[in-house]
N, C-alpha and C. Protein backbone atom coordinates (compact mmCIF):
# COMPACT_ATOMS: atom_id res chain seq x y z
N MET A 1 16.38 -8.14 0.07
CA MET A 1 15.03 -7.76 -0.29
C MET A 1 14.09 -8.13 0.85
N CYS A 2 13.16 -7.29 1.14
CA CYS A 2 12.19 -7.52 2.21
C CYS A 2 10.99 -8.30 1.68
N ARG A 3 10.28 -8.92 2.63
CA ARG A 3 9.10 -9.70 2.26
C ARG A 3 8.07 -9.58 3.38
N PRO A 4 6.79 -9.75 3.05
CA PRO A 4 5.77 -9.71 4.10
C PRO A 4 5.80 -11.00 4.92
N VAL A 5 5.53 -10.88 6.21
CA VAL A 5 5.44 -12.03 7.10
C VAL A 5 4.27 -11.82 8.06
N ARG A 6 3.77 -12.91 8.60
CA ARG A 6 2.69 -12.83 9.58
C ARG A 6 3.30 -12.75 10.98
N CYS A 7 2.85 -11.79 11.76
CA CYS A 7 3.34 -11.61 13.12
C CYS A 7 2.89 -12.78 13.99
N ARG A 8 3.81 -13.34 14.76
CA ARG A 8 3.48 -14.46 15.65
C ARG A 8 2.72 -14.00 16.88
N THR A 9 2.76 -12.72 17.18
CA THR A 9 2.09 -12.19 18.37
C THR A 9 0.66 -11.77 18.08
N CYS A 10 0.46 -10.96 17.04
CA CYS A 10 -0.88 -10.42 16.77
C CYS A 10 -1.52 -10.97 15.50
N GLY A 11 -0.76 -11.66 14.66
CA GLY A 11 -1.31 -12.24 13.44
C GLY A 11 -1.45 -11.27 12.28
N LYS A 12 -1.04 -10.03 12.48
CA LYS A 12 -1.12 -9.04 11.41
C LYS A 12 0.12 -9.13 10.52
N THR A 13 0.11 -8.38 9.43
CA THR A 13 1.22 -8.41 8.49
C THR A 13 2.35 -7.50 8.94
N GLY A 14 3.54 -8.05 8.92
CA GLY A 14 4.75 -7.31 9.22
C GLY A 14 5.72 -7.52 8.08
N TRP A 15 6.99 -7.37 8.34
CA TRP A 15 7.97 -7.56 7.28
C TRP A 15 9.22 -8.21 7.85
N ALA A 16 9.99 -8.82 6.96
CA ALA A 16 11.28 -9.40 7.31
C ALA A 16 12.24 -9.05 6.19
N GLY A 17 13.49 -8.91 6.52
CA GLY A 17 14.50 -8.61 5.51
C GLY A 17 15.41 -7.48 5.92
N CYS A 18 15.93 -6.80 4.93
CA CYS A 18 16.96 -5.79 5.16
C CYS A 18 16.42 -4.47 5.70
N GLY A 19 15.16 -4.18 5.50
CA GLY A 19 14.57 -2.93 5.98
C GLY A 19 14.56 -1.81 4.95
N ARG A 20 15.16 -2.04 3.81
CA ARG A 20 15.22 -0.99 2.79
C ARG A 20 13.98 -0.95 1.90
N HIS A 21 13.14 -1.99 1.95
CA HIS A 21 12.00 -2.10 1.05
C HIS A 21 10.68 -2.20 1.79
N VAL A 22 10.64 -1.77 3.04
CA VAL A 22 9.46 -1.91 3.87
C VAL A 22 8.26 -1.22 3.25
N GLN A 23 8.43 -0.01 2.75
CA GLN A 23 7.31 0.72 2.15
C GLN A 23 6.73 -0.03 0.96
N GLN A 24 7.57 -0.64 0.15
CA GLN A 24 7.10 -1.42 -1.00
C GLN A 24 6.34 -2.66 -0.54
N VAL A 25 6.85 -3.33 0.47
CA VAL A 25 6.23 -4.55 0.97
C VAL A 25 4.85 -4.27 1.57
N LEU A 26 4.74 -3.19 2.34
CA LEU A 26 3.50 -2.89 3.04
C LEU A 26 2.56 -1.97 2.26
N ALA A 27 2.91 -1.60 1.06
CA ALA A 27 2.11 -0.66 0.27
C ALA A 27 0.68 -1.16 0.04
N HIS A 28 0.50 -2.46 -0.13
CA HIS A 28 -0.83 -3.02 -0.41
C HIS A 28 -1.57 -3.47 0.85
N VAL A 29 -0.95 -3.30 2.02
CA VAL A 29 -1.55 -3.72 3.29
C VAL A 29 -2.19 -2.52 3.97
N PRO A 30 -3.51 -2.57 4.25
CA PRO A 30 -4.15 -1.45 4.95
C PRO A 30 -3.49 -1.20 6.31
N GLN A 31 -3.46 0.04 6.74
CA GLN A 31 -2.81 0.42 8.00
C GLN A 31 -3.35 -0.40 9.17
N ALA A 32 -4.64 -0.66 9.19
CA ALA A 32 -5.25 -1.41 10.29
C ALA A 32 -4.79 -2.87 10.34
N ASP A 33 -4.28 -3.38 9.22
CA ASP A 33 -3.83 -4.78 9.14
C ASP A 33 -2.33 -4.93 9.32
N ARG A 34 -1.63 -3.84 9.63
CA ARG A 34 -0.18 -3.89 9.81
C ARG A 34 0.17 -4.10 11.27
N CYS A 35 1.17 -4.91 11.52
CA CYS A 35 1.65 -5.13 12.88
C CYS A 35 2.34 -3.85 13.37
N PRO A 36 1.98 -3.38 14.57
CA PRO A 36 2.60 -2.17 15.09
C PRO A 36 4.00 -2.40 15.67
N GLY A 37 4.39 -3.66 15.82
CA GLY A 37 5.67 -4.00 16.46
C GLY A 37 5.43 -4.27 17.93
N HIS A 38 6.25 -5.12 18.50
CA HIS A 38 6.09 -5.51 19.89
C HIS A 38 7.46 -5.54 20.56
N PRO A 39 7.54 -5.09 21.81
CA PRO A 39 8.83 -5.13 22.52
C PRO A 39 9.23 -6.58 22.79
N ARG A 40 10.53 -6.83 22.71
CA ARG A 40 11.04 -8.17 23.01
C ARG A 40 11.11 -8.34 24.52
N VAL A 41 10.79 -9.53 24.97
CA VAL A 41 10.89 -9.86 26.38
C VAL A 41 12.24 -10.53 26.59
N ALA A 42 13.01 -10.04 27.55
CA ALA A 42 14.34 -10.59 27.80
C ALA A 42 14.25 -12.08 28.14
N GLY A 43 15.15 -12.84 27.54
CA GLY A 43 15.22 -14.26 27.84
C GLY A 43 14.34 -15.14 27.00
N GLU A 44 13.63 -14.61 26.02
CA GLU A 44 12.76 -15.42 25.18
C GLU A 44 13.34 -15.67 23.80
N GLY A 45 14.57 -15.34 23.58
CA GLY A 45 15.14 -15.46 22.25
C GLY A 45 15.87 -16.75 21.99
N GLY A 46 16.14 -16.98 20.74
CA GLY A 46 16.85 -18.09 20.14
C GLY A 46 17.55 -19.11 21.01
N TRP A 47 18.78 -18.85 21.41
CA TRP A 47 19.59 -19.85 22.09
C TRP A 47 19.03 -20.22 23.46
N ARG A 48 18.51 -19.27 24.20
CA ARG A 48 17.95 -19.59 25.51
C ARG A 48 16.77 -20.55 25.37
N LYS A 49 15.93 -20.31 24.39
CA LYS A 49 14.78 -21.17 24.16
C LYS A 49 15.23 -22.56 23.72
N LEU A 50 16.19 -22.60 22.83
CA LEU A 50 16.70 -23.87 22.32
C LEU A 50 17.36 -24.70 23.41
N LEU A 51 18.15 -24.04 24.25
CA LEU A 51 18.89 -24.75 25.29
C LEU A 51 18.09 -24.92 26.59
N GLY A 52 16.93 -24.29 26.66
CA GLY A 52 16.09 -24.42 27.84
C GLY A 52 16.63 -23.75 29.08
N ARG A 53 17.31 -22.64 28.92
CA ARG A 53 17.87 -21.92 30.07
C ARG A 53 17.15 -20.63 30.31
């Protein structure tokens, strides 16, 4: 099941979960308040950040 989350980049509402319920999750969120999505920057993810490499 999907759920609303706050974007760490822009602070707008996004979603997390399986992706099958996105329309239901964002139905009450105005279009202007939805996160448009952001490209990932190589090397900023999970293990690299944790291990400091």
